[in-house]
Amino acid sequence: MTAHPEIFKVDADIHRVSCNGGHGALGHPKVYYSFDGADEVVCGYCDRLFTKKNRKGAKPYKASKAA
């Protein structure tokens, strides 16, 4: 299992999240990820993990970088 720098729990009914690295100018471009039926999604830039609350046992989906 890979350690993620940060883990964000979102409501189970959320279908899309965004990530900008969280460090202002030191972050990365804002990107959007869809859960597409998965319970977890990982940012392709900074490896932040977004996981749905009240969900257990799902394998994370490694998202690709948005163009």
C-alpha atoms as a PDB file:
ATOM      1  CA  MET A   1       0.000   0.000   0.000  1.00  0.00           C
ATOM      2  CA  THR A   2       1.331   3.407  -0.968  1.00  0.00           C
ATOM      3  CA  ALA A   3       1.303   6.184   1.616  1.00  0.00           C
ATOM      4  CA  HIS A   4      -0.576   9.250   0.390  1.00  0.00           C
ATOM      5  CA  PRO A   5       0.504  12.757   1.426  1.00  0.00           C
ATOM      6  CA  GLU A   6      -3.067  13.729   2.311  1.00  0.00           C
ATOM      7  CA  ILE A   7      -6.388  11.932   2.489  1.00  0.00           C
ATOM      8  CA  PHE A   8      -9.647  13.802   1.907  1.00  0.00           C
ATOM      9  CA  LYS A   9     -12.970  12.192   2.801  1.00  0.00           C
ATOM     10  CA  VAL A  10     -15.917  13.358   0.701  1.00  0.00           C
ATOM     11  CA  ASP A  11     -19.617  12.571   0.985  1.00  0.00           C
ATOM     12  CA  ALA A  12     -20.679   9.291  -0.622  1.00  0.00           C
ATOM     13  CA  ASP A  13     -22.945  11.099  -3.104  1.00  0.00           C
ATOM     14  CA  ILE A  14     -20.087  13.200  -4.579  1.00  0.00           C
ATOM     15  CA  HIS A  15     -19.181  12.161  -8.122  1.00  0.00           C
ATOM     16  CA  ARG A  16     -16.409  14.624  -8.975  1.00  0.00           C
ATOM     17  CA  VAL A  17     -13.544  16.323  -7.088  1.00  0.00           C
ATOM     18  CA  SER A  18     -10.890  18.885  -7.941  1.00  0.00           C
ATOM     19  CA  CYS A  19      -7.294  19.210  -6.772  1.00  0.00           C
ATOM     20  CA  ASN A  20      -4.754  22.023  -7.091  1.00  0.00           C
ATOM     21  CA  GLY A  21      -2.074  20.665  -4.782  1.00  0.00           C
ATOM     22  CA  GLY A  22      -3.200  22.977  -1.988  1.00  0.00           C
ATOM     23  CA  HIS A  23      -0.057  25.083  -1.815  1.00  0.00           C
ATOM     24  CA  GLY A  24      -1.031  28.153  -3.835  1.00  0.00           C
ATOM     25  CA  ALA A  25       1.735  29.020  -6.287  1.00  0.00           C
ATOM     26  CA  LEU A  26       3.657  25.935  -5.146  1.00  0.00           C
ATOM     27  CA  GLY A  27       0.794  23.577  -6.004  1.00  0.00           C
ATOM     28  CA  HIS A  28      -0.120  22.296  -9.461  1.00  0.00           C
ATOM     29  CA  PRO A  29      -2.720  23.186 -12.106  1.00  0.00           C
ATOM     30  CA  LYS A  30      -6.294  22.631 -10.935  1.00  0.00           C
ATOM     31  CA  VAL A  31      -7.537  19.294 -12.238  1.00  0.00           C
ATOM     32  CA  TYR A  32     -10.877  17.497 -11.929  1.00  0.00           C
ATOM     33  CA  TYR A  33     -11.399  13.796 -11.319  1.00  0.00           C
ATOM     34  CA  SER A  34     -14.537  11.693 -11.592  1.00  0.00           C
ATOM     35  CA  PHE A  35     -15.081   8.708  -9.318  1.00  0.00           C
ATOM     36  CA  ASP A  36     -16.622   6.754 -12.235  1.00  0.00           C
ATOM     37  CA  GLY A  37     -18.092   4.167  -9.871  1.00  0.00           C
ATOM     38  CA  ALA A  38     -14.918   3.871  -7.757  1.00  0.00           C
ATOM     39  CA  ASP A  39     -14.856   4.707  -4.054  1.00  0.00           C
ATOM     40  CA  GLU A  40     -11.445   6.381  -4.178  1.00  0.00           C
ATOM     41  CA  VAL A  41      -9.514   8.525  -6.631  1.00  0.00           C
ATOM     42  CA  VAL A  42      -5.852   9.601  -6.524  1.00  0.00           C
ATOM     43  CA  CYS A  43      -4.534  12.875  -7.934  1.00  0.00           C
ATOM     44  CA  GLY A  44      -2.133  12.228 -10.803  1.00  0.00           C
ATOM     45  CA  TYR A  45       0.047  15.188  -9.787  1.00  0.00           C
ATOM     46  CA  CYS A  46       0.409  15.087  -6.001  1.00  0.00           C
ATOM     47  CA  ASP A  47      -1.004  11.664  -5.010  1.00  0.00           C
ATOM     48  CA  ARG A  48      -3.675  13.138  -2.743  1.00  0.00           C
ATOM     49  CA  LEU A  49      -6.290  10.506  -2.013  1.00  0.00           C
ATOM     50  CA  PHE A  50      -9.974  11.400  -2.223  1.00  0.00           C
ATOM     51  CA  THR A  51     -12.154   8.721  -0.647  1.00  0.00           C
ATOM     52  CA  LYS A  52     -15.893   8.502  -0.145  1.00  0.00           C
ATOM     53  CA  LYS A  53     -17.124   8.472   3.456  1.00  0.00           C
ATOM     54  CA  ASN A  54     -18.743   5.283   4.728  1.00  0.00           C
ATOM     55  CA  ARG A  55     -17.100   3.177   2.017  1.00  0.00           C
ATOM     56  CA  LYS A  56     -14.610   0.436   2.841  1.00  0.00           C
ATOM     57  CA  GLY A  57     -12.619  -2.173   0.974  1.00  0.00           C
ATOM     58  CA  ALA A  58     -12.431  -0.488  -2.423  1.00  0.00           C
ATOM     59  CA  LYS A  59      -9.239  -0.377  -4.413  1.00  0.00           C
ATOM     60  CA  PRO A  60      -8.091   3.141  -5.326  1.00  0.00           C
ATOM     61  CA  TYR A  61      -8.410   4.246  -8.917  1.00  0.00           C
ATOM     62  CA  LYS A  62      -5.213   5.922 -10.152  1.00  0.00           C
ATOM     63  CA  ALA A  63      -6.375   8.866 -12.229  1.00  0.00           C
ATOM     64  CA  SER A  64      -4.385  10.048 -15.195  1.00  0.00           C
ATOM     65  CA  LYS A  65      -3.268  13.648 -15.524  1.00  0.00           C
ATOM     66  CA  ALA A  66      -5.768  15.882 -17.249  1.00  0.00           C
ATOM     67  CA  ALA A  67      -4.587  17.615 -20.385  1.00  0.00           C
END
